[in-house]
Structure formats: C-alpha cells, structure tokens
PDB file of N, CA and C in Angstrom:
ATOM      1  N   MET A   1       0.941  10.280  31.314  1.00  0.00           N
ATOM      2  CA  MET A   1       1.056  11.615  30.770  1.00  0.00           C
ATOM      3  C   MET A   1       1.720  11.529  29.399  1.00  0.00           C
ATOM      4  N   ARG A   2       1.214  12.277  28.496  1.00  0.00           N
ATOM      5  CA  ARG A   2       1.710  12.265  27.135  1.00  0.00           C
ATOM      6  C   ARG A   2       2.620  13.461  26.884  1.00  0.00           C
ATOM      7  N   THR A   3       3.706  13.200  26.197  1.00  0.00           N
ATOM      8  CA  THR A   3       4.618  14.298  25.872  1.00  0.00           C
ATOM      9  C   THR A   3       4.105  15.054  24.660  1.00  0.00           C
ATOM     10  N   ARG A   4       4.568  16.297  24.513  1.00  0.00           N
ATOM     11  CA  ARG A   4       4.181  17.085  23.348  1.00  0.00           C
ATOM     12  C   ARG A   4       4.782  16.486  22.096  1.00  0.00           C
ATOM     13  N   ARG A   5       4.001  16.488  21.060  1.00  0.00           N
ATOM     14  CA  ARG A   5       4.496  15.965  19.784  1.00  0.00           C
ATOM     15  C   ARG A   5       5.377  16.993  19.107  1.00  0.00           C
ATOM     16  N   ARG A   6       6.351  16.482  18.432  1.00  0.00           N
ATOM     17  CA  ARG A   6       7.202  17.356  17.634  1.00  0.00           C
ATOM     18  C   ARG A   6       6.510  17.637  16.310  1.00  0.00           C
ATOM     19  N   ILE A   7       6.791  18.777  15.774  1.00  0.00           N
ATOM     20  CA  ILE A   7       6.227  19.132  14.475  1.00  0.00           C
ATOM     21  C   ILE A   7       6.984  18.366  13.398  1.00  0.00           C
ATOM     22  N   PRO A   8       6.268  17.707  12.471  1.00  0.00           N
ATOM     23  CA  PRO A   8       6.961  16.996  11.392  1.00  0.00           C
ATOM     24  C   PRO A   8       7.866  17.944  10.603  1.00  0.00           C
ATOM     25  N   GLN A   9       9.020  17.454  10.222  1.00  0.00           N
ATOM     26  CA  GLN A   9       9.994  18.242   9.472  1.00  0.00           C
ATOM     27  C   GLN A   9      10.027  17.757   8.029  1.00  0.00           C
ATOM     28  N   MET A  10       9.904  18.683   7.103  1.00  0.00           N
ATOM     29  CA  MET A  10       9.952  18.352   5.678  1.00  0.00           C
ATOM     30  C   MET A  10      11.403  18.367   5.203  1.00  0.00           C
ATOM     31  N   VAL A  11      11.726  17.394   4.363  1.00  0.00           N
ATOM     32  CA  VAL A  11      13.042  17.333   3.730  1.00  0.00           C
ATOM     33  C   VAL A  11      12.823  17.617   2.242  1.00  0.00           C
ATOM     34  N   TYR A  12      13.578  18.554   1.722  1.00  0.00           N
ATOM     35  CA  TYR A  12      13.419  18.962   0.326  1.00  0.00           C
ATOM     36  C   TYR A  12      14.604  18.513  -0.510  1.00  0.00           C
ATOM     37  N   LYS A  13      14.306  18.169  -1.751  1.00  0.00           N
ATOM     38  CA  LYS A  13      15.344  17.819  -2.719  1.00  0.00           C
ATOM     39  C   LYS A  13      15.008  18.568  -3.999  1.00  0.00           C
ATOM     40  N   ASN A  14      15.939  19.363  -4.442  1.00  0.00           N
ATOM     41  CA  ASN A  14      15.726  20.198  -5.628  1.00  0.00           C
ATOM     42  C   ASN A  14      14.495  21.096  -5.465  1.00  0.00           C
ATOM     43  N   GLY A  15      14.281  21.592  -4.253  1.00  0.00           N
ATOM     44  CA  GLY A  15      13.177  22.502  -3.998  1.00  0.00           C
ATOM     45  C   GLY A  15      11.813  21.858  -3.847  1.00  0.00           C
ATOM     46  N   LYS A  16      11.760  20.517  -3.896  1.00  0.00           N
ATOM     47  CA  LYS A  16      10.482  19.813  -3.775  1.00  0.00           C
ATOM     48  C   LYS A  16      10.512  18.887  -2.558  1.00  0.00           C
ATOM     49  N   PRO A  17       9.374  18.746  -1.870  1.00  0.00           N
ATOM     50  CA  PRO A  17       9.338  17.835  -0.724  1.00  0.00           C
ATOM     51  C   PRO A  17       9.661  16.409  -1.154  1.00  0.00           C
ATOM     52  N   SER A  18      10.569  15.749  -0.416  1.00  0.00           N
ATOM     53  CA  SER A  18      10.927  14.375  -0.766  1.00  0.00           C
ATOM     54  C   SER A  18      10.796  13.418   0.416  1.00  0.00           C
ATOM     55  N   ALA A  19      10.706  13.945   1.645  1.00  0.00           N
ATOM     56  CA  ALA A  19      10.581  13.086   2.825  1.00  0.00           C
ATOM     57  C   ALA A  19      10.059  13.912   3.995  1.00  0.00           C
ATOM     58  N   VAL A  20       9.595  13.195   5.017  1.00  0.00           N
ATOM     59  CA  VAL A  20       9.116  13.833   6.242  1.00  0.00           C
ATOM     60  C   VAL A  20       9.747  13.127   7.425  1.00  0.00           C
ATOM     61  N   ILE A  21      10.207  13.886   8.386  1.00  0.00           N
ATOM     62  CA  ILE A  21      10.745  13.324   9.624  1.00  0.00           C
ATOM     63  C   ILE A  21       9.670  13.498  10.686  1.00  0.00           C
ATOM     64  N   LEU A  22       9.229  12.349  11.250  1.00  0.00           N
ATOM     65  CA  LEU A  22       8.158  12.335  12.247  1.00  0.00           C
ATOM     66  C   LEU A  22       8.674  11.819  13.577  1.00  0.00           C
ATOM     67  N   ASP A  23       7.987  12.191  14.639  1.00  0.00           N
ATOM     68  CA  ASP A  23       8.199  11.591  15.942  1.00  0.00           C
ATOM     69  C   ASP A  23       7.874  10.100  15.819  1.00  0.00           C
ATOM     70  N   ILE A  24       8.681   9.234  16.415  1.00  0.00           N
ATOM     71  CA  ILE A  24       8.514   7.787  16.245  1.00  0.00           C
ATOM     72  C   ILE A  24       7.151   7.305  16.732  1.00  0.00           C
ATOM     73  N   GLU A  25       6.634   7.877  17.808  1.00  0.00           N
ATOM     74  CA  GLU A  25       5.315   7.469  18.292  1.00  0.00           C
ATOM     75  C   GLU A  25       4.218   7.852  17.305  1.00  0.00           C
ATOM     76  N   GLU A  26       4.334   9.025  16.721  1.00  0.00           N
ATOM     77  CA  GLU A  26       3.353   9.444  15.723  1.00  0.00           C
ATOM     78  C   GLU A  26       3.409   8.510  14.514  1.00  0.00           C
ATOM     79  N   TYR A  27       4.613   8.137  14.113  1.00  0.00           N
ATOM     80  CA  TYR A  27       4.779   7.202  12.992  1.00  0.00           C
ATOM     81  C   TYR A  27       4.128   5.856  13.304  1.00  0.00           C
ATOM     82  N   ARG A  28       4.356   5.336  14.490  1.00  0.00           N
ATOM     83  CA  ARG A  28       3.768   4.045  14.886  1.00  0.00           C
ATOM     84  C   ARG A  28       2.248   4.122  14.917  1.00  0.00           C
ATOM     85  N   GLU A  29       1.710   5.233  15.418  1.00  0.00           N
ATOM     86  CA  GLU A  29       0.261   5.403  15.436  1.00  0.00           C
ATOM     87  C   GLU A  29      -0.306   5.470  14.022  1.00  0.00           C
ATOM     88  N   MET A  30       0.418   6.126  13.129  1.00  0.00           N
ATOM     89  CA  MET A  30      -0.027   6.194  11.735  1.00  0.00           C
ATOM     90  C   MET A  30      -0.048   4.801  11.112  1.00  0.00           C
ATOM     91  N   LEU A  31       0.981   4.008  11.374  1.00  0.00           N
ATOM     92  CA  LEU A  31       1.017   2.638  10.855  1.00  0.00           C
ATOM     93  C   LEU A  31      -0.144   1.816  11.399  1.00  0.00           C
ATOM     94  N   GLU A  32      -0.422   1.965  12.685  1.00  0.00           N
ATOM     95  CA  GLU A  32      -1.518   1.218  13.299  1.00  0.00           C
ATOM     96  C   GLU A  32      -2.863   1.610  12.679  1.00  0.00           C
ATOM     97  N   ARG A  33      -3.078   2.917  12.460  1.00  0.00           N
ATOM     98  CA  ARG A  33      -4.323   3.362  11.829  1.00  0.00           C
ATOM     99  C   ARG A  33      -4.427   2.832  10.401  1.00  0.00           C
ATOM    100  N   LEU A  34      -3.315   2.800   9.690  1.00  0.00           N
ATOM    101  CA  LEU A  34      -3.315   2.270   8.331  1.00  0.00           C
ATOM    102  C   LEU A  34      -3.658   0.783   8.331  1.00  0.00           C
ATOM    103  N   GLU A  35      -3.053   0.032   9.237  1.00  0.00           N
ATOM    104  CA  GLU A  35      -3.356  -1.398   9.339  1.00  0.00           C
ATOM    105  C   GLU A  35      -4.824  -1.618   9.683  1.00  0.00           C
ATOM    106  N   ASP A  36      -5.368  -0.800  10.589  1.00  0.00           N
ATOM    107  CA  ASP A  36      -6.785  -0.913  10.942  1.00  0.00           C
ATOM    108  C   ASP A  36      -7.665  -0.654   9.719  1.00  0.00           C
ATOM    109  N   ALA A  37      -7.331   0.365   8.946  1.00  0.00           N
ATOM    110  CA  ALA A  37      -8.108   0.689   7.750  1.00  0.00           C
ATOM    111  C   ALA A  37      -8.034  -0.450   6.731  1.00  0.00           C
ATOM    112  N   GLU A  38      -6.852  -1.041   6.574  1.00  0.00           N
ATOM    113  CA  GLU A  38      -6.701  -2.173   5.650  1.00  0.00           C
ATOM    114  C   GLU A  38      -7.512  -3.368   6.133  1.00  0.00           C
ATOM    115  N   ASP A  39      -7.500  -3.623   7.443  1.00  0.00           N
ATOM    116  CA  ASP A  39      -8.283  -4.726   8.003  1.00  0.00           C
ATOM    117  C   ASP A  39      -9.773  -4.509   7.772  1.00  0.00           C
ATOM    118  N   LEU A  40     -10.251  -3.286   7.973  1.00  0.00           N
ATOM    119  CA  LEU A  40     -11.667  -2.994   7.755  1.00  0.00           C
ATOM    120  C   LEU A  40     -12.050  -3.153   6.293  1.00  0.00           C
ATOM    121  N   ALA A  41     -11.167  -2.750   5.388  1.00  0.00           N
ATOM    122  CA  ALA A  41     -11.442  -2.912   3.956  1.00  0.00           C
ATOM    123  C   ALA A  41     -11.501  -4.393   3.587  1.00  0.00           C
ATOM    124  N   ALA A  42     -10.587  -5.194   4.141  1.00  0.00           N
ATOM    125  CA  ALA A  42     -10.598  -6.640   3.866  1.00  0.00           C
ATOM    126  C   ALA A  42     -11.859  -7.287   4.433  1.00  0.00           C
ATOM    127  N   LEU A  43     -12.263  -6.877   5.623  1.00  0.00           N
ATOM    128  CA  LEU A  43     -13.478  -7.411   6.232  1.00  0.00           C
ATOM    129  C   LEU A  43     -14.699  -7.048   5.405  1.00  0.00           C
ATOM    130  N   ASP A  44     -14.754  -5.813   4.932  1.00  0.00           N
ATOM    131  CA  ASP A  44     -15.866  -5.374   4.094  1.00  0.00           C
ATOM    132  C   ASP A  44     -15.934  -6.210   2.823  1.00  0.00           C
ATOM    133  N   GLU A  45     -14.776  -6.477   2.225  1.00  0.00           N
ATOM    134  CA  GLU A  45     -14.742  -7.295   1.002  1.00  0.00           C
ATOM    135  C   GLU A  45     -15.229  -8.713   1.279  1.00  0.00           C
ATOM    136  N   LEU A  46     -14.812  -9.284   2.407  1.00  0.00           N
ATOM    137  CA  LEU A  46     -15.260 -10.630   2.764  1.00  0.00           C
ATOM    138  C   LEU A  46     -16.765 -10.678   2.999  1.00  0.00           C
ATOM    139  N   ARG A  47     -17.304  -9.646   3.594  1.00  0.00           N
ATOM    140  CA  ARG A  47     -18.741  -9.612   3.872  1.00  0.00           C
ATOM    141  C   ARG A  47     -19.569  -9.510   2.606  1.00  0.00           C
ATOM    142  N   ARG A  48     -18.999  -9.001   1.537  1.00  0.00           N
ATOM    143  CA  ARG A  48     -19.729  -8.873   0.274  1.00  0.00           C
ATOM    144  C   ARG A  48     -19.833 -10.205  -0.469  1.00  0.00           C
ATOM    145  N   LYS A  49     -18.955 -11.144  -0.147  1.00  0.00           N
ATOM    146  CA  LYS A  49     -18.960 -12.447  -0.813  1.00  0.00           C
ATOM    147  C   LYS A  49     -19.948 -13.375  -0.102  1.00  0.00           C
ATOM    148  N   PRO A  50     -20.576 -14.272  -0.870  1.00  0.00           N
ATOM    149  CA  PRO A  50     -21.471 -15.243  -0.218  1.00  0.00           C
ATOM    150  C   PRO A  50     -20.656 -16.185   0.677  1.00  0.00           C
ATOM    151  N   MET A  51     -21.236 -16.528   1.807  1.00  0.00           N
ATOM    152  CA  MET A  51     -20.540 -17.403   2.748  1.00  0.00           C
ATOM    153  C   MET A  51     -20.677 -18.857   2.303  1.00  0.00           C
ATOM    154  N   GLU A  52     -19.609 -19.607   2.478  1.00  0.00           N
ATOM    155  CA  GLU A  52     -19.614 -21.030   2.164  1.00  0.00           C
ATOM    156  C   GLU A  52     -19.227 -21.796   3.422  1.00  0.00           C
ATOM    157  N   PHE A  53     -19.931 -22.871   3.667  1.00  0.00           N
ATOM    158  CA  PHE A  53     -19.665 -23.688   4.844  1.00  0.00           C
ATOM    159  C   PHE A  53     -19.281 -25.087   4.416  1.00  0.00           C
ATOM    160  N   LYS A  54     -18.442 -25.715   5.225  1.00  0.00           N
ATOM    161  CA  LYS A  54     -18.045 -27.094   4.990  1.00  0.00           C
ATOM    162  C   LYS A  54     -18.375 -27.900   6.230  1.00  0.00           C
ATOM    163  N   ARG A  55     -18.628 -29.149   6.011  1.00  0.00           N
ATOM    164  CA  ARG A  55     -18.801 -30.050   7.157  1.00  0.00           C
ATOM    165  C   ARG A  55     -17.436 -30.229   7.807  1.00  0.00           C
ATOM    166  N   LEU A  56     -17.424 -30.405   9.107  1.00  0.00           N
ATOM    167  CA  LEU A  56     -16.176 -30.576   9.837  1.00  0.00           C
ATOM    168  C   LEU A  56     -15.386 -31.759   9.308  1.00  0.00           C
ATOM    169  N   ASP A  57     -16.060 -32.865   9.036  1.00  0.00           N
ATOM    170  CA  ASP A  57     -15.366 -34.051   8.523  1.00  0.00           C
ATOM    171  C   ASP A  57     -14.651 -33.760   7.205  1.00  0.00           C
ATOM    172  N   ASP A  58     -15.317 -33.016   6.314  1.00  0.00           N
ATOM    173  CA  ASP A  58     -14.713 -32.673   5.023  1.00  0.00           C
ATOM    174  C   ASP A  58     -13.497 -31.751   5.225  1.00  0.00           C
ATOM    175  N   PHE A  59     -13.630 -30.797   6.119  1.00  0.00           N
ATOM    176  CA  PHE A  59     -12.510 -29.885   6.423  1.00  0.00           C
ATOM    177  C   PHE A  59     -11.316 -30.659   6.945  1.00  0.00           C
ATOM    178  N   LEU A  60     -11.549 -31.577   7.871  1.00  0.00           N
ATOM    179  CA  LEU A  60     -10.451 -32.348   8.457  1.00  0.00           C
ATOM    180  C   LEU A  60      -9.789 -33.248   7.418  1.00  0.00           C
ATOM    181  N   LYS A  61     -10.553 -33.777   6.490  1.00  0.00           N
ATOM    182  CA  LYS A  61      -9.976 -34.591   5.422  1.00  0.00           C
ATOM    183  C   LYS A  61      -9.073 -33.753   4.524  1.00  0.00           C
ATOM    184  N   GLU A  62      -9.512 -32.522   4.203  1.00  0.00           N
ATOM    185  CA  GLU A  62      -8.701 -31.640   3.362  1.00  0.00           C
ATOM    186  C   GLU A  62      -7.401 -31.226   4.048  1.00  0.00           C
ATOM    187  N   CYS A  63      -7.479 -30.978   5.334  1.00  0.00           N
ATOM    188  CA  CYS A  63      -6.306 -30.494   6.067  1.00  0.00           C
ATOM    189  C   CYS A  63      -5.371 -31.620   6.481  1.00  0.00           C
ATOM    190  N   GLY A  64      -5.852 -32.833   6.478  1.00  0.00           N
ATOM    191  CA  GLY A  64      -5.021 -33.961   6.907  1.00  0.00           C
ATOM    192  C   GLY A  64      -4.705 -33.875   8.375  1.00  0.00           C
ATOM    193  N   SER A  65      -3.504 -34.241   8.738  1.00  0.00           N
ATOM    194  CA  SER A  65      -3.139 -34.267  10.154  1.00  0.00           C
ATOM    195  C   SER A  65      -2.701 -32.890  10.662  1.00  0.00           C
ATOM    196  N   ASN A  66      -2.718 -31.852   9.803  1.00  0.00           N
ATOM    197  CA  ASN A  66      -2.311 -30.510  10.216  1.00  0.00           C
ATOM    198  C   ASN A  66      -3.362 -29.809  11.063  1.00  0.00           C
ATOM    199  N   ALA A  67      -4.603 -30.300  11.027  1.00  0.00           N
ATOM    200  CA  ALA A  67      -5.675 -29.612  11.768  1.00  0.00           C
ATOM    201  C   ALA A  67      -5.766 -30.106  13.187  1.00  0.00           C
TER     202      ALA A  67
END
C-alpha cells in the first residue's frame, strides 16, 4: 500500500522561489527517472556511432593480465 504524497513546499528568498521541499520517496523516484533518461540518451548516442569489433586475442593483449 502506498502512502499519500505530500505536496511539495516552495521556499522563497527575496520573494522568488529558491528551493523545493519534497517527500524523500518522490525525490528518489525523480532521481531514478533522471538516471534512466540519461542512460537512454547515452545508449542512443552509442547507437549512432559505427560499431567496431576487436579480435579476442587483440583485446586480451591490450588489457594484459587485468582481463
């Protein structure tokens, strides 16, 4: 069961909005949605670039014993 969300509270400084107080769960959900959007944008950018492949032997030589 989900609890009711609190209404965000605006904080004003010199008569202008300067901050917002949010329910912590709403804040976490907003961060997660932002991260998802950033991930999708990065994936879209990667898909626009031509793909390059390496032979496994060449990859292992470049990585040394770390792979």
